[in-house]
Protein backbone atom coordinates (compact mmCIF):
# COMPACT_ATOMS: atom_id res chain seq x y z
CA UNK A 1 -202.05 -14.71 -132.35
CA UNK A 2 -201.50 -11.63 -134.48
CA UNK A 3 -203.44 -8.49 -133.67
CA UNK A 4 -205.40 -6.35 -136.13
CA UNK A 5 -205.53 -8.92 -138.92
CA UNK A 6 -209.08 -10.15 -138.27
CA UNK A 7 -211.98 -8.33 -139.91
CA UNK A 8 -214.40 -6.53 -137.68
CA UNK A 9 -217.91 -7.89 -137.34
CA UNK A 10 -220.62 -5.34 -137.96
CA UNK A 11 -224.36 -5.39 -137.32
CA UNK A 12 -226.01 -6.86 -140.41
CA UNK A 13 -229.56 -6.57 -141.67
CA UNK A 14 -230.79 -9.90 -143.10
CA UNK A 15 -233.69 -9.67 -145.56
CA UNK A 16 -235.62 -12.77 -146.63
CA UNK A 17 -237.57 -13.18 -149.87
CA UNK A 18 -240.77 -13.54 -147.82
CA UNK A 19 -240.24 -10.06 -146.34
CA UNK A 20 -238.96 -11.10 -142.93
CA UNK A 21 -236.01 -9.07 -141.63
CA UNK A 22 -233.74 -9.55 -138.64
CA UNK A 23 -230.32 -8.44 -137.48
CA UNK A 24 -227.18 -10.42 -136.80
CA UNK A 25 -223.45 -9.89 -137.07
CA UNK A 26 -221.47 -10.48 -140.22
CA UNK A 27 -218.81 -8.94 -142.39
CA UNK A 28 -221.33 -7.50 -144.87
CA UNK A 29 -223.83 -4.75 -144.06
CA UNK A 30 -226.83 -6.53 -145.67
CA UNK A 31 -227.61 -10.12 -146.61
CA UNK A 32 -230.38 -11.24 -149.00
CA UNK A 33 -231.61 -14.79 -148.40
CA UNK A 34 -234.26 -16.96 -150.04
CA UNK A 35 -235.56 -18.90 -147.03
CA UNK A 36 -235.72 -18.08 -143.33
CA UNK A 37 -237.23 -19.76 -140.28
CA UNK A 38 -240.47 -17.87 -140.87
CA UNK A 39 -241.11 -19.32 -144.34
CA UNK A 40 -239.14 -22.61 -144.35
CA UNK A 41 -241.40 -25.68 -144.76
CA UNK A 42 -239.71 -27.50 -141.88
CA UNK A 43 -240.63 -24.78 -139.41
CA UNK A 44 -244.04 -23.87 -140.86
CA UNK A 45 -245.25 -27.45 -141.35
CA UNK A 46 -246.46 -26.71 -144.87
CA UNK A 47 -245.80 -29.08 -147.74
CA UNK A 48 -244.40 -26.96 -150.55
CA UNK A 49 -241.40 -26.75 -152.79
CA UNK A 50 -238.90 -23.95 -152.45
CA UNK A 51 -237.51 -23.57 -155.91
CA UNK A 52 -235.30 -20.65 -156.77
CA UNK A 53 -233.40 -21.88 -159.80
CA UNK A 54 -235.95 -24.22 -161.41
CA UNK A 55 -234.39 -27.35 -159.95
CA UNK A 56 -237.71 -28.98 -159.07
CA UNK A 57 -239.01 -28.63 -162.63
CA UNK A 58 -235.75 -30.00 -164.02
CA UNK A 59 -235.99 -33.01 -161.69
CA UNK A 60 -239.62 -33.63 -162.66
CA UNK A 61 -238.72 -33.43 -166.37
CA UNK A 62 -235.97 -36.00 -165.84
CA UNK A 63 -238.40 -38.31 -164.04
CA UNK A 64 -240.95 -38.03 -166.88
CA UNK A 65 -238.24 -38.73 -169.47
CA UNK A 66 -237.09 -41.77 -167.49
CA UNK A 67 -240.65 -43.15 -167.40
CA UNK A 68 -241.00 -42.67 -171.16
CA UNK A 69 -237.70 -44.44 -171.77
CA UNK A 70 -238.77 -47.37 -169.58
CA UNK A 71 -241.94 -47.70 -171.64
CA UNK A 72 -239.98 -47.57 -174.89
CA UNK A 73 -237.57 -50.24 -173.67
CA UNK A 74 -240.45 -52.41 -172.49
CA UNK A 75 -242.11 -52.24 -175.92
CA UNK A 76 -238.82 -53.06 -177.65
CA UNK A 77 -238.33 -56.10 -175.42
CA UNK A 78 -241.90 -57.28 -175.97
CA UNK A 79 -241.52 -56.92 -179.74
CA UNK A 80 -238.26 -58.82 -179.64
CA UNK A 81 -239.77 -61.66 -177.59
CA UNK A 82 -243.05 -61.74 -179.49
CA UNK A 83 -241.54 -61.73 -182.97
CA UNK A 84 -241.85 -65.52 -183.21
CA UNK A 85 -238.51 -66.02 -184.85
CA UNK A 86 -236.55 -67.29 -181.93
CA UNK A 87 -233.24 -67.60 -183.67
CA UNK A 88 -230.59 -68.40 -181.19
CA UNK A 89 -226.98 -69.02 -182.04
CA UNK A 90 -226.61 -71.94 -184.41
CA UNK A 91 -224.55 -74.90 -183.49
CA UNK A 92 -221.43 -75.79 -185.42
CA UNK A 93 -223.20 -78.79 -186.95
CA UNK A 94 -226.01 -76.54 -188.30
CA UNK A 95 -223.51 -74.01 -189.60
CA UNK A 96 -221.58 -76.67 -191.50
CA UNK A 97 -224.81 -78.14 -192.94
CA UNK A 98 -224.33 -81.58 -191.45
CA UNK A 99 -227.25 -83.51 -190.05
C-alpha cells in the first residue's frame, strides 16, 4: 500500500437542522445535515413528514391527479355503456345488405 496518498481525517462538527450538534471524523471541517437521531421520526416515535425539497407535496398532488383521472375515466366508461346505441361490429352479411 502506498504511503501518504490517503487524506487525513479531521475532527468534524456536525450540525443538524433541529439544532443538535455532535462531533465525528470526516474529511470536511463542518457538515450540515437535515435529520439526526434526535429529530428523526424513527427514533422519536412521532408521526411526521420530513420534507426538505417539497417531495411530499409533489407526491400528494400526483395522488390527487390520479384520483381525478380515475373519476373521469369512470364517467367516460359509464357514458359509453349507457348511451343505448350498442353498435358492435357488423357482420359481413349486414355490411353487404343481404338478409
